[in-house]
Amino acid sequence: MDTEFDLIFQMVGWTNFWNITKLGSSLLTLEFLCTLQYYEGGIAFQMFKQDIMLSWRELSDHLGFSSRCILNIDSDLPNFERHQF
């Protein structure tokens, strides 16, 4: 699985996204992952002990995805079962 992520991140130009070794990043990552929650309109999590809620659009903007790359999963991938994925 690590090999697949490395290949995928390399293909989308995120070669420095996967291996981050800066001091403190482990604790922040744990805080983020332990508090991450999915809701219908986006995600919620804690960072620096503050509650944060982001819509899918806000998350996309923060990650730097182009607004031209908007997909409607239901119509673009009609047979995709996200809960089974």
C-alpha atoms as a PDB file:
ATOM      1  CA  MET A   1       0.000   0.000   0.000  1.00  0.00           C
ATOM      2  CA  ASP A   2       2.874   2.431   0.753  1.00  0.00           C
ATOM      3  CA  THR A   3       4.211   1.827  -2.747  1.00  0.00           C
ATOM      4  CA  GLU A   4       0.832   2.687  -4.257  1.00  0.00           C
ATOM      5  CA  PHE A   5       0.589   5.910  -2.239  1.00  0.00           C
ATOM      6  CA  ASP A   6       4.119   6.919  -3.273  1.00  0.00           C
ATOM      7  CA  LEU A   7       3.238   6.345  -6.928  1.00  0.00           C
ATOM      8  CA  ILE A   8      -0.091   8.181  -6.684  1.00  0.00           C
ATOM      9  CA  PHE A   9       1.422  11.165  -4.852  1.00  0.00           C
ATOM     10  CA  GLN A  10       4.257  11.322  -7.388  1.00  0.00           C
ATOM     11  CA  MET A  11       1.766  11.310 -10.278  1.00  0.00           C
ATOM     12  CA  VAL A  12      -0.253  14.222  -8.830  1.00  0.00           C
ATOM     13  CA  GLY A  13       2.856  16.207  -7.854  1.00  0.00           C
ATOM     14  CA  TRP A  14       2.710  15.619  -4.096  1.00  0.00           C
ATOM     15  CA  THR A  15       6.128  14.001  -3.652  1.00  0.00           C
ATOM     16  CA  ASN A  16       6.776  15.918  -0.417  1.00  0.00           C
ATOM     17  CA  PHE A  17       3.295  15.355   1.007  1.00  0.00           C
ATOM     18  CA  TRP A  18       3.758  11.803   2.260  1.00  0.00           C
ATOM     19  CA  ASN A  19       7.065  11.830   4.194  1.00  0.00           C
ATOM     20  CA  ILE A  20       7.038  14.750   6.624  1.00  0.00           C
ATOM     21  CA  THR A  21       9.650  14.558   9.390  1.00  0.00           C
ATOM     22  CA  LYS A  22       9.335  18.003  10.957  1.00  0.00           C
ATOM     23  CA  LEU A  23       9.365  18.189  14.743  1.00  0.00           C
ATOM     24  CA  GLY A  24       5.840  18.070  16.108  1.00  0.00           C
ATOM     25  CA  SER A  25       4.208  16.728  12.982  1.00  0.00           C
ATOM     26  CA  SER A  26       3.649  13.307  14.584  1.00  0.00           C
ATOM     27  CA  LEU A  27       1.642  14.735  17.471  1.00  0.00           C
ATOM     28  CA  LEU A  28      -0.403  16.975  15.196  1.00  0.00           C
ATOM     29  CA  THR A  29      -1.060  14.061  12.860  1.00  0.00           C
ATOM     30  CA  LEU A  30      -2.247  11.916  15.768  1.00  0.00           C
ATOM     31  CA  GLU A  31      -4.506  14.703  17.047  1.00  0.00           C
ATOM     32  CA  PHE A  32      -5.955  15.158  13.554  1.00  0.00           C
ATOM     33  CA  LEU A  33      -6.514  11.452  12.890  1.00  0.00           C
ATOM     34  CA  CYS A  34      -7.922  10.690  16.351  1.00  0.00           C
ATOM     35  CA  THR A  35     -10.509  13.450  16.057  1.00  0.00           C
ATOM     36  CA  LEU A  36     -11.336  13.170  12.332  1.00  0.00           C
ATOM     37  CA  GLN A  37     -15.051  12.749  11.693  1.00  0.00           C
ATOM     38  CA  TYR A  38     -16.977  12.548   8.439  1.00  0.00           C
ATOM     39  CA  TYR A  39     -20.304  14.272   8.041  1.00  0.00           C
ATOM     40  CA  GLU A  40     -22.464  14.585   4.939  1.00  0.00           C
ATOM     41  CA  GLY A  41     -21.198  18.061   4.021  1.00  0.00           C
ATOM     42  CA  GLY A  42     -17.492  17.621   4.831  1.00  0.00           C
ATOM     43  CA  ILE A  43     -15.171  16.752   7.721  1.00  0.00           C
ATOM     44  CA  ALA A  44     -14.612  17.855  11.312  1.00  0.00           C
ATOM     45  CA  PHE A  45     -11.409  17.493  13.348  1.00  0.00           C
ATOM     46  CA  GLN A  46      -9.277  19.128  16.025  1.00  0.00           C
ATOM     47  CA  MET A  47      -6.011  20.933  15.433  1.00  0.00           C
ATOM     48  CA  PHE A  48      -4.140  22.637  18.275  1.00  0.00           C
ATOM     49  CA  LYS A  49      -7.124  21.700  20.490  1.00  0.00           C
ATOM     50  CA  GLN A  50      -9.501  23.783  18.361  1.00  0.00           C
ATOM     51  CA  ASP A  51     -12.556  22.278  16.686  1.00  0.00           C
ATOM     52  CA  ILE A  52     -12.508  22.762  12.915  1.00  0.00           C
ATOM     53  CA  MET A  53     -15.260  21.961  10.420  1.00  0.00           C
ATOM     54  CA  LEU A  54     -14.588  22.148   6.693  1.00  0.00           C
ATOM     55  CA  SER A  55     -16.986  21.630   3.833  1.00  0.00           C
ATOM     56  CA  TRP A  56     -15.712  19.546   0.934  1.00  0.00           C
ATOM     57  CA  ARG A  57     -15.238  22.770  -1.087  1.00  0.00           C
ATOM     58  CA  GLU A  58     -13.196  24.412   1.718  1.00  0.00           C
ATOM     59  CA  LEU A  59     -11.065  21.291   2.115  1.00  0.00           C
ATOM     60  CA  SER A  60     -10.433  21.185  -1.619  1.00  0.00           C
ATOM     61  CA  ASP A  61      -9.416  24.851  -1.603  1.00  0.00           C
ATOM     62  CA  HIS A  62      -7.058  24.366   1.370  1.00  0.00           C
ATOM     63  CA  LEU A  63      -5.410  21.392  -0.350  1.00  0.00           C
ATOM     64  CA  GLY A  64      -4.852  23.510  -3.456  1.00  0.00           C
ATOM     65  CA  PHE A  65      -7.081  21.643  -5.877  1.00  0.00           C
ATOM     66  CA  SER A  66      -8.161  23.649  -8.882  1.00  0.00           C
ATOM     67  CA  SER A  67     -11.764  24.823  -8.851  1.00  0.00           C
ATOM     68  CA  ARG A  68     -11.974  23.594 -12.465  1.00  0.00           C
ATOM     69  CA  CYS A  69     -11.625  20.004 -11.193  1.00  0.00           C
ATOM     70  CA  ILE A  70     -15.073  19.836  -9.648  1.00  0.00           C
ATOM     71  CA  LEU A  71     -16.599  16.362  -9.794  1.00  0.00           C
ATOM     72  CA  ASN A  72     -20.039  15.152  -8.942  1.00  0.00           C
ATOM     73  CA  ILE A  73     -19.250  11.640  -7.718  1.00  0.00           C
ATOM     74  CA  ASP A  74     -22.834  10.423  -8.091  1.00  0.00           C
ATOM     75  CA  SER A  75     -23.066  11.338 -11.779  1.00  0.00           C
ATOM     76  CA  ASP A  76     -19.395  10.922 -12.777  1.00  0.00           C
ATOM     77  CA  LEU A  77     -18.978   7.508 -11.104  1.00  0.00           C
ATOM     78  CA  PRO A  78     -22.479   6.006 -11.046  1.00  0.00           C
ATOM     79  CA  ASN A  79     -21.344   2.547  -9.867  1.00  0.00           C
ATOM     80  CA  PHE A  80     -18.995   3.811  -7.125  1.00  0.00           C
ATOM     81  CA  GLU A  81     -19.993   2.576  -3.663  1.00  0.00           C
ATOM     82  CA  ARG A  82     -18.103   4.905  -1.297  1.00  0.00           C
ATOM     83  CA  HIS A  83     -19.173   3.014   1.832  1.00  0.00           C
ATOM     84  CA  GLN A  84     -17.875  -0.271   0.423  1.00  0.00           C
ATOM     85  CA  PHE A  85     -14.659   1.401  -0.801  1.00  0.00           C
END
